[in-house]
Protein backbone atom coordinates (compact mmCIF):
# COMPACT_ATOMS: atom_id res chain seq x y z
CA MET A 1 -77.94 50.83 -125.08
CA THR A 2 -74.47 52.09 -125.90
CA SER A 3 -71.13 50.52 -124.98
CA ARG A 4 -68.01 50.73 -127.16
CA GLY A 5 -69.94 50.63 -130.42
CA LEU A 6 -72.92 48.57 -129.25
CA THR A 7 -75.87 50.77 -130.15
CA MET A 8 -79.08 48.76 -130.46
CA LEU A 9 -80.74 45.39 -130.08
CA LYS A 10 -84.26 44.95 -131.41
CA ASP A 11 -86.69 42.32 -132.62
CA SER A 12 -88.25 42.08 -136.02
CA LYS A 13 -91.85 41.14 -136.76
CA GLU A 14 -93.67 38.53 -134.71
CA GLY A 15 -94.16 34.94 -135.85
CA LYS A 16 -92.11 32.30 -137.63
CA GLY A 17 -88.79 33.38 -138.99
CA LYS A 18 -88.46 35.96 -136.25
CA THR A 19 -85.04 37.57 -136.28
CA ALA A 20 -83.16 39.81 -133.86
CA TYR A 21 -80.95 42.59 -135.19
CA LEU A 22 -77.77 43.71 -133.46
CA ILE A 23 -76.05 46.92 -134.57
CA LEU A 24 -72.34 47.22 -133.75
CA ASP A 25 -70.17 50.07 -135.04
CA GLY A 26 -72.72 50.82 -137.72
CA THR A 27 -72.93 47.24 -138.97
CA THR A 28 -76.19 45.30 -138.61
CA TYR A 29 -76.04 41.59 -137.78
CA GLU A 30 -78.98 39.22 -138.03
CA LEU A 31 -79.39 36.76 -135.15
CA PRO A 32 -81.83 33.85 -135.47
CA VAL A 33 -84.54 33.48 -132.85
CA ILE A 34 -85.28 30.00 -131.47
CA VAL A 35 -88.80 29.26 -130.23
CA GLY A 36 -89.46 26.37 -127.84
CA THR A 37 -92.60 24.25 -127.65
CA GLU A 38 -93.90 26.38 -124.76
CA ASN A 39 -93.28 29.60 -126.75
CA GLU A 40 -90.02 30.40 -125.03
CA HIS A 41 -87.86 32.68 -127.19
CA ALA A 42 -84.08 32.78 -127.36
CA VAL A 43 -81.69 34.82 -129.48
CA ASP A 44 -79.13 32.46 -131.04
CA ILE A 45 -75.70 34.01 -130.47
CA SER A 46 -73.66 30.89 -131.24
CA CYS A 47 -71.86 32.71 -134.09
CA LEU A 48 -71.65 36.11 -132.37
CA ARG A 49 -67.95 36.04 -131.49
CA LYS A 50 -66.97 34.62 -134.86
CA GLU A 51 -68.90 37.27 -136.78
CA THR A 52 -68.43 40.32 -134.54
CA GLY A 53 -65.56 39.68 -132.13
CA TYR A 54 -67.95 40.32 -129.23
CA VAL A 55 -69.15 37.96 -126.52
CA THR A 56 -72.10 38.39 -124.15
CA TYR A 57 -71.63 39.08 -120.44
CA ASP A 58 -74.03 37.13 -118.18
CA PRO A 59 -72.71 36.31 -114.68
CA GLY A 60 -74.37 33.16 -113.36
CA PHE A 61 -75.77 32.39 -116.85
CA GLY A 62 -79.20 33.54 -115.69
CA ASN A 63 -80.10 34.74 -119.20
CA THR A 64 -78.18 32.17 -121.21
CA GLY A 65 -79.63 29.06 -122.80
CA ALA A 66 -76.76 26.57 -122.93
CA CYS A 67 -78.74 23.85 -124.68
CA THR A 68 -82.09 22.70 -125.99
CA SER A 69 -83.73 19.96 -123.91
CA ALA A 70 -86.88 17.85 -124.07
CA ILE A 71 -86.75 16.62 -120.46
CA THR A 72 -88.20 19.15 -118.00
CA TYR A 73 -90.22 22.33 -118.38
CA VAL A 74 -90.36 24.98 -115.65
CA ASP A 75 -92.53 28.10 -115.78
CA GLY A 76 -91.51 30.02 -112.69
CA GLU A 77 -93.97 32.86 -113.21
CA ASN A 78 -96.96 30.52 -113.04
CA GLY A 79 -95.62 27.80 -110.74
CA ILE A 80 -95.53 25.06 -113.40
CA LEU A 81 -93.23 22.02 -113.38
CA ARG A 82 -93.55 19.20 -115.91
CA TYR A 83 -91.45 16.11 -116.54
CA ARG A 84 -91.59 15.13 -120.23
CA GLY A 85 -94.85 17.09 -120.49
CA TYR A 86 -96.56 15.51 -117.46
CA PRO A 87 -97.59 17.95 -114.68
CA ILE A 88 -95.73 17.29 -111.45
CA GLU A 89 -99.04 17.28 -109.54
CA GLU A 90 -100.33 14.30 -111.57
CA LEU A 91 -97.08 12.36 -111.28
CA ALA A 92 -97.01 12.95 -107.52
CA ALA A 93 -100.66 11.89 -107.10
CA GLN A 94 -100.57 8.79 -109.28
CA GLY A 95 -96.99 7.80 -110.03
CA THR A 96 -94.03 6.29 -108.25
CA PHE A 97 -90.40 7.35 -108.11
CA ILE A 98 -89.28 4.41 -110.23
CA GLU A 99 -91.73 5.01 -113.05
CA THR A 100 -90.92 8.73 -112.89
CA ALA A 101 -87.22 7.88 -113.18
CA TYR A 102 -88.00 5.70 -116.20
CA LEU A 103 -90.03 8.55 -117.72
CA LEU A 104 -87.23 11.08 -117.32
CA ILE A 105 -84.52 8.77 -118.63
CA PHE A 106 -86.33 7.11 -121.53
CA GLY A 107 -88.90 9.75 -122.45
CA ALA A 108 -92.15 7.85 -121.89
CA LEU A 109 -94.10 6.32 -119.03
CA PRO A 110 -93.30 2.61 -118.85
CA THR A 111 -95.81 -0.06 -119.73
CA ARG A 112 -96.56 -2.64 -117.06
CA SER A 113 -93.96 -5.04 -118.49
CA GLN A 114 -91.34 -2.27 -118.90
CA ARG A 115 -91.87 -1.13 -115.34
CA GLN A 116 -91.45 -4.66 -114.02
CA GLU A 117 -88.35 -5.21 -116.14
CA PHE A 118 -86.83 -1.98 -114.80
CA ARG A 119 -87.69 -2.90 -111.21
CA ASP A 120 -86.11 -6.33 -111.67
CA LEU A 121 -82.98 -4.73 -113.08
CA LEU A 122 -82.76 -2.37 -110.11
CA SER A 123 -83.06 -5.31 -107.69
CA GLU A 124 -80.38 -7.15 -109.62
CA GLN A 125 -77.98 -4.19 -109.41
CA GLU A 126 -78.48 -3.11 -105.78
CA LEU A 127 -75.49 -4.97 -104.30
CA LEU A 128 -72.04 -3.40 -104.29
CA HIS A 129 -68.91 -5.25 -105.33
CA GLU A 130 -67.22 -6.48 -102.14
CA GLY A 131 -64.14 -4.49 -103.12
CA LEU A 132 -66.24 -1.35 -102.96
CA ARG A 133 -67.58 -2.45 -99.59
CA HIS A 134 -64.04 -2.36 -98.24
CA HIS A 135 -63.53 1.03 -99.89
CA PHE A 136 -65.58 2.51 -97.04
CA GLU A 137 -62.86 1.50 -94.57
CA GLY A 138 -60.61 4.16 -96.09
CA PHE A 139 -62.87 7.00 -94.98
CA PRO A 140 -62.78 8.46 -91.47
CA SER A 141 -65.89 7.90 -89.36
CA ASN A 142 -66.63 11.63 -89.44
CA GLY A 143 -66.16 11.92 -93.20
CA HIS A 144 -68.92 13.89 -94.88
CA PRO A 145 -71.37 11.52 -96.62
CA MET A 146 -71.40 13.69 -99.76
CA ALA A 147 -67.64 13.20 -100.14
CA ILE A 148 -68.10 9.46 -99.72
CA LEU A 149 -71.03 9.36 -102.16
CA SER A 150 -69.14 11.25 -104.85
CA ALA A 151 -65.99 9.16 -104.45
CA VAL A 152 -67.73 5.78 -104.45
CA ILE A 153 -70.02 6.63 -107.38
CA ASN A 154 -66.94 7.62 -109.37
CA SER A 155 -65.24 4.39 -108.30
CA LEU A 156 -68.08 2.35 -109.80
CA GLY A 157 -66.47 2.90 -113.18
CA CYS A 158 -63.43 0.93 -112.02
CA TYR A 159 -65.63 -2.08 -111.25
CA HIS A 160 -67.67 -1.81 -114.44
CA PRO A 161 -65.10 -0.82 -117.10
CA ASP A 162 -67.35 -2.23 -119.83
CA LEU A 163 -69.71 0.72 -119.19
CA LEU A 164 -67.14 3.48 -119.41
CA GLU A 165 -67.85 3.62 -123.13
CA ILE A 166 -71.61 3.37 -123.70
CA THR A 167 -72.27 2.29 -127.25
CA SER A 168 -75.80 0.88 -127.12
CA THR A 169 -79.19 1.38 -125.52
CA ASN A 170 -78.65 -1.79 -123.50
CA ASP A 171 -75.34 -0.46 -122.15
CA PHE A 172 -77.03 2.77 -121.13
CA LEU A 173 -79.91 0.90 -119.47
CA ARG A 174 -77.49 -1.19 -117.40
CA ALA A 175 -75.39 1.81 -116.40
CA ALA A 176 -78.46 3.84 -115.42
CA ALA A 177 -79.87 0.96 -113.36
CA LYS A 178 -76.55 0.40 -111.59
CA ILE A 179 -76.29 4.03 -110.49
CA ILE A 180 -79.94 4.50 -109.48
CA SER A 181 -79.94 1.26 -107.51
CA LYS A 182 -76.48 1.38 -105.96
CA VAL A 183 -76.70 5.04 -104.91
CA ARG A 184 -79.11 3.99 -102.12
CA THR A 185 -76.70 1.37 -100.84
CA ILE A 186 -73.75 3.76 -100.94
CA ALA A 187 -75.73 6.49 -99.16
CA ALA A 188 -77.03 4.17 -96.44
CA TRP A 189 -73.60 2.65 -95.84
CA SER A 190 -71.98 6.09 -95.53
CA TYR A 191 -74.48 6.79 -92.73
CA ARG A 192 -73.86 3.40 -91.06
CA LYS A 193 -70.11 4.01 -91.26
CA ALA A 194 -70.46 7.32 -89.40
CA GLN A 195 -72.70 5.72 -86.74
CA GLY A 196 -70.41 2.72 -86.19
CA LEU A 197 -73.24 0.37 -87.20
CA PRO A 198 -72.90 -2.82 -89.24
CA PHE A 199 -73.78 -2.52 -92.91
CA MET A 200 -77.22 -3.83 -93.84
CA TYR A 201 -77.44 -5.46 -97.24
CA PRO A 202 -80.34 -4.53 -99.53
CA ASP A 203 -83.41 -6.75 -99.52
CA PRO A 204 -84.67 -7.51 -103.07
CA LYS A 205 -88.19 -8.15 -101.75
CA LEU A 206 -88.60 -4.52 -100.72
CA SER A 207 -89.60 -1.54 -102.83
CA TYR A 208 -87.07 1.16 -103.69
CA CYS A 209 -87.83 3.48 -100.76
CA ARG A 210 -88.56 0.74 -98.20
CA ASN A 211 -85.26 -0.86 -99.11
CA PHE A 212 -83.38 2.38 -98.50
CA LEU A 213 -85.01 2.88 -95.09
CA HIS A 214 -84.22 -0.76 -94.28
CA MET A 215 -80.52 -0.24 -95.04
CA MET A 216 -80.53 3.00 -93.04
CA HIS A 217 -82.33 1.90 -89.87
CA SER A 218 -82.51 -1.89 -89.55
CA VAL A 219 -80.12 -3.81 -87.34
CA PRO A 220 -79.17 -7.48 -87.72
CA ASN A 221 -81.66 -8.64 -85.09
CA ARG A 222 -84.49 -6.21 -85.88
CA ASN A 223 -85.82 -4.90 -89.19
CA PHE A 224 -87.08 -1.35 -89.42
CA GLU A 225 -90.74 -1.29 -90.50
CA PRO A 226 -91.74 2.14 -91.85
CA THR A 227 -95.38 3.16 -92.12
CA ASP A 228 -96.96 3.52 -95.56
CA ALA A 229 -97.09 7.29 -95.01
CA GLN A 230 -93.35 7.37 -94.32
CA VAL A 231 -92.65 5.46 -97.51
CA ARG A 232 -95.03 7.73 -99.38
CA ALA A 233 -93.33 10.86 -98.04
CA LEU A 234 -89.89 9.60 -99.06
CA THR A 235 -91.24 8.58 -102.48
CA LEU A 236 -92.59 12.09 -103.00
CA PHE A 237 -89.34 13.64 -101.80
CA PHE A 238 -87.37 11.67 -104.41
CA LEU A 239 -89.97 12.17 -107.14
CA LEU A 240 -90.20 15.93 -106.64
CA HIS A 241 -86.42 16.29 -106.69
CA ALA A 242 -85.88 14.03 -109.71
CA ASP A 243 -85.16 16.90 -112.10
CA HIS A 244 -85.43 20.66 -112.27
CA GLU A 245 -84.13 21.77 -115.63
CA GLN A 246 -80.73 23.49 -116.01
CA ASN A 247 -79.78 24.08 -112.38
CA CYS A 248 -76.16 24.19 -111.21
CA SER A 249 -75.66 20.44 -110.68
CA CYS A 250 -77.49 19.47 -113.87
CA SER A 251 -75.45 21.97 -115.88
CA THR A 252 -72.33 20.53 -114.26
CA VAL A 253 -73.24 17.02 -115.42
CA ARG A 254 -73.85 18.28 -118.95
CA MET A 255 -70.61 20.28 -118.97
CA VAL A 256 -68.53 17.32 -117.77
CA GLN A 257 -70.20 15.04 -120.34
CA SER A 258 -69.31 17.51 -123.08
CA THR A 259 -65.70 16.37 -122.62
CA GLU A 260 -66.98 12.82 -123.35
CA ALA A 261 -66.48 11.85 -119.73
CA ASN A 262 -68.24 8.65 -118.68
CA LEU A 263 -71.58 8.55 -116.89
CA PHE A 264 -70.10 7.66 -113.48
CA ALA A 265 -67.62 10.56 -113.54
CA SER A 266 -70.25 13.00 -114.77
CA VAL A 267 -72.84 12.30 -112.07
CA SER A 268 -70.07 12.27 -109.47
CA ALA A 269 -69.29 15.84 -110.52
CA GLY A 270 -72.99 16.63 -110.19
CA ILE A 271 -72.90 15.41 -106.59
CA CYS A 272 -70.04 17.80 -105.82
CA ALA A 273 -71.96 20.72 -107.35
CA LEU A 274 -75.05 19.79 -105.33
CA TRP A 275 -73.08 19.81 -102.09
CA GLY A 276 -73.10 23.59 -101.68
CA ARG A 277 -75.45 25.15 -99.15
CA LEU A 278 -77.05 27.34 -101.82
CA HIS A 279 -78.11 24.24 -103.76
CA GLY A 280 -78.49 20.84 -102.11
CA GLY A 281 -77.83 22.13 -98.61
CA ALA A 282 -80.67 24.65 -98.48
CA ASN A 283 -83.11 22.41 -96.55
CA ALA A 284 -80.53 21.99 -93.79
CA GLY A 285 -80.59 25.77 -93.40
CA VAL A 286 -84.37 25.64 -92.92
CA VAL A 287 -84.07 23.14 -90.07
CA LYS A 288 -81.34 25.25 -88.43
CA MET A 289 -83.59 28.33 -88.61
CA LEU A 290 -86.57 26.49 -87.10
CA GLU A 291 -84.36 25.02 -84.35
CA ASP A 292 -83.08 28.49 -83.46
CA ILE A 293 -86.67 29.70 -83.05
CA ARG A 294 -87.59 26.60 -81.03
CA ASP A 295 -84.57 27.06 -78.76
CA GLY A 296 -85.57 30.63 -77.94
CA GLU A 297 -82.93 32.53 -79.86
CA ALA A 298 -85.75 34.58 -81.40
CA THR A 299 -89.52 34.53 -81.58
CA ILE A 300 -91.14 34.22 -84.98
CA GLY A 301 -91.96 37.92 -84.92
CA GLN A 302 -88.41 38.85 -83.99
CA TYR A 303 -86.99 36.62 -86.71
CA ILE A 304 -89.30 38.19 -89.28
CA GLU A 305 -88.10 41.66 -88.25
CA ARG A 306 -84.47 40.56 -88.51
CA VAL A 307 -85.13 39.38 -92.05
CA LYS A 308 -86.69 42.73 -92.94
CA ARG A 309 -83.60 44.50 -91.58
CA LYS A 310 -81.53 42.17 -93.78
CA GLU A 311 -79.72 40.76 -90.74
CA CYS A 312 -80.52 37.21 -91.83
CA ARG A 313 -82.37 35.27 -94.54
CA LEU A 314 -85.76 33.62 -94.33
CA MET A 315 -84.59 30.14 -95.27
CA GLY A 316 -86.92 28.08 -97.45
CA PHE A 317 -88.71 31.10 -98.89
CA GLY A 318 -88.36 32.40 -102.40
CA HIS A 319 -86.82 30.72 -105.41
CA ARG A 320 -84.59 31.89 -108.22
CA ILE A 321 -87.01 30.39 -110.76
CA TYR A 322 -90.44 30.36 -109.10
CA LYS A 323 -91.88 33.86 -108.78
CA SER A 324 -95.35 32.84 -107.55
CA PHE A 325 -95.23 29.52 -105.71
CA ASP A 326 -93.22 26.32 -105.80
CA PRO A 327 -95.65 23.54 -106.81
CA ARG A 328 -93.46 20.98 -105.03
CA ALA A 329 -93.87 22.78 -101.69
CA LYS A 330 -97.66 22.31 -101.71
CA ILE A 331 -97.27 18.56 -102.22
CA LEU A 332 -94.62 18.10 -99.53
CA ARG A 333 -96.57 20.17 -97.03
CA GLN A 334 -99.42 17.65 -97.08
CA ALA A 335 -97.00 14.70 -97.14
CA ALA A 336 -95.33 16.03 -93.99
CA HIS A 337 -98.67 16.25 -92.18
CA ASP A 338 -99.72 12.74 -93.25
CA MET A 339 -96.41 11.18 -92.25
CA LEU A 340 -96.24 12.83 -88.82
CA ASP A 341 -99.83 11.77 -88.11
CA SER A 342 -99.06 8.17 -89.13
CA ILE A 343 -96.21 7.79 -86.64
CA GLY A 344 -97.64 9.95 -83.88
CA TYR A 345 -94.60 12.18 -84.16
CA ASP A 346 -95.20 15.55 -82.56
CA ASP A 347 -92.56 17.73 -84.14
CA PRO A 348 -92.63 21.30 -82.82
CA LEU A 349 -90.62 22.34 -85.85
CA LEU A 350 -93.62 21.67 -88.10
CA ASP A 351 -95.81 23.85 -85.91
CA ILE A 352 -93.19 26.60 -86.04
CA ALA A 353 -92.88 26.17 -89.80
CA LEU A 354 -96.63 26.47 -90.35
CA GLU A 355 -96.90 29.55 -88.15
CA LEU A 356 -93.87 31.14 -89.78
CA ALA A 357 -95.33 30.49 -93.23
CA GLU A 358 -98.69 31.99 -92.24
CA VAL A 359 -97.07 35.13 -90.85
CA ALA A 360 -94.86 35.60 -93.90
CA LEU A 361 -97.67 34.95 -96.38
CA ASN A 362 -99.75 37.66 -94.73
CA ASP A 363 -96.95 40.21 -94.64
CA GLU A 364 -96.74 42.67 -97.54
CA TYR A 365 -92.93 42.74 -97.24
CA PHE A 366 -92.72 39.10 -98.36
CA THR A 367 -95.70 38.91 -100.71
CA SER A 368 -94.59 42.02 -102.63
CA ARG A 369 -91.21 40.34 -103.13
CA LYS A 370 -92.88 37.05 -104.10
CA LEU A 371 -91.21 35.18 -101.25
CA TYR A 372 -93.30 32.04 -100.89
CA PRO A 373 -92.37 28.68 -99.29
CA ASN A 374 -90.26 26.52 -101.59
CA VAL A 375 -89.60 22.78 -101.64
CA ASP A 376 -86.80 23.08 -99.06
CA PHE A 377 -89.16 24.53 -96.46
CA TYR A 378 -90.95 21.21 -95.90
CA SER A 379 -88.42 18.64 -97.15
CA GLY A 380 -86.15 19.16 -94.15
CA ILE A 381 -89.00 18.38 -91.76
CA ILE A 382 -89.79 15.17 -93.66
CA LEU A 383 -86.17 14.01 -93.65
CA ARG A 384 -85.80 14.84 -89.97
CA ALA A 385 -88.87 12.74 -89.10
CA LEU A 386 -87.46 9.85 -91.16
CA GLY A 387 -84.39 9.80 -88.93
CA ILE A 388 -82.09 11.34 -91.54
CA PRO A 389 -79.32 13.47 -89.97
CA VAL A 390 -78.80 16.97 -91.34
CA ASN A 391 -75.46 16.17 -92.98
CA MET A 392 -77.29 13.51 -95.02
CA PHE A 393 -79.84 15.97 -96.43
CA PRO A 394 -77.86 16.75 -99.62
CA VAL A 395 -77.24 13.01 -100.05
CA MET A 396 -81.00 12.45 -100.10
CA PHE A 397 -81.32 15.22 -102.66
CA ALA A 398 -78.66 13.47 -104.79
CA ILE A 399 -80.53 10.14 -104.69
CA GLY A 400 -83.67 11.86 -105.93
CA ARG A 401 -81.88 13.91 -108.58
CA MET A 402 -79.99 10.94 -110.06
CA PRO A 403 -82.60 10.12 -112.79
CA GLY A 404 -82.54 13.72 -114.00
CA TRP A 405 -78.75 13.81 -114.19
CA ILE A 406 -78.69 10.52 -116.08
CA ALA A 407 -81.36 11.77 -118.48
CA HIS A 408 -79.44 14.98 -119.18
CA TRP A 409 -76.17 13.09 -119.59
CA ASN A 410 -77.80 10.84 -122.17
CA GLU A 411 -79.49 13.73 -123.97
CA THR A 412 -76.12 15.44 -124.31
CA ASN A 413 -74.34 12.20 -125.19
CA THR A 414 -76.75 11.36 -128.02
CA ASP A 415 -77.35 14.90 -129.25
CA GLY A 416 -74.86 14.68 -132.09
CA THR A 417 -74.17 18.43 -132.01
CA THR A 418 -72.73 18.80 -128.50
CA LYS A 419 -69.51 20.79 -128.31
CA ILE A 420 -67.16 20.86 -125.36
CA HIS A 421 -68.41 23.59 -123.03
CA ARG A 422 -66.06 26.53 -122.92
CA PRO A 423 -67.54 29.76 -121.46
CA ARG A 424 -65.78 33.01 -122.34
CA GLN A 425 -64.67 35.73 -119.96
CA ILE A 426 -64.03 39.47 -119.86
CA TYR A 427 -60.43 39.77 -118.70
CA THR A 428 -59.91 42.52 -116.09
CA GLY A 429 -56.35 41.75 -114.94
CA HIS A 430 -53.00 43.43 -115.62
CA GLU A 431 -51.92 44.34 -119.12
CA SER A 432 -48.65 42.85 -120.36
CA ARG A 433 -45.75 43.64 -117.98
CA PRO A 434 -42.09 42.57 -117.78
CA TYR A 435 -40.77 39.90 -115.42
CA ILE A 436 -39.07 41.33 -112.28
CA PRO A 437 -35.93 39.50 -111.01
CA LEU A 438 -36.19 38.27 -107.43
CA ASP A 439 -33.58 40.62 -105.94
CA MET A 440 -35.40 43.64 -107.41
CA ARG A 441 -38.83 42.87 -105.89
CA LEU A 442 -39.78 45.06 -102.97
CA ASP A 443 -41.81 43.93 -99.98
CA PRO A 444 -45.19 45.66 -99.81
């Protein structure tokens, strides 16, 4: 390719020591090639600007590796997702959210004693400081729960100043446990605030997910008793959302940490990044689409035709990374069925979803474009059946994603080679021009 002196980019021989060659203005530059454990290849351009004066142009960073990481592996072409090397299907079938969180954060599945110690620490940390409890009074009743979650998580640092500077493994363990445990309480209380309901304190006798549902739906004179299938569905929702490599919110956490910001501030920034409808709000779009079909705004066939005419999007289908299928969607599809059967909940949205999926998966328009159901397609149905309002959907995503953010923050914090993130740009504005005095400026 040719652009202002850029004439060629090629690879050398295969194997170890592989090198890429870049020719600019007749000068050849050697660029090292990095190979990951799953045979992923990357051209190392970290010295490109220093040596050539050029930068790369990659809007959205879709072809840019910003870091090396040992946490999560995603192979979108083949529908593979692994946490620390463990296939997501095996973790979902045999593991729990808490042991998966431990795995992501500390790099190994916990032993029986380590798992119990971590659970005990989570129970110990689940209460909020009473000062934080009153912090909720400052928010309006219609305040968005994501705004509340981000603000209160950030405020945790004020109540635990000893953890603003993490200098030991024990400090990190305590900080991680505080966030993972307290995020449930903060989320549930933001919901109770909006509903005008009294806050329910966490119950240390309950498991992680049962405790969250207790704080969400119990009242002082009657405890909410979820079915095992409901707890299982919520566990899978959290587990399957626990990490997903270098997505927008994860990259945000790593970027904020690169300034040496504390853990509380960094994950709070991640919450804000997750808030957007193209990230953490996607499953709410699925529910809205299914409700429109249910309410008669369009039949499934009509909606499909609208999508083909590009008048609207088929929400919950396709994925920027997965080009065959989303392995998480298969797991949640079965969890949704099991949960609805356990509570006798006849949700017409699930029937619409299944029919819509069948039609799309048998239509060449969608299969040729590799538009298959993703995790958002079924997660919204599960949350809806658990009594979670739509504006809480991204909050639920944030609870699940917290272990991944913490793991990435720690990986960056302990890397030893992390530099403050500072992307470059290609300036396209005005060239230098003189200042115009006010009385000489003309109205357009």
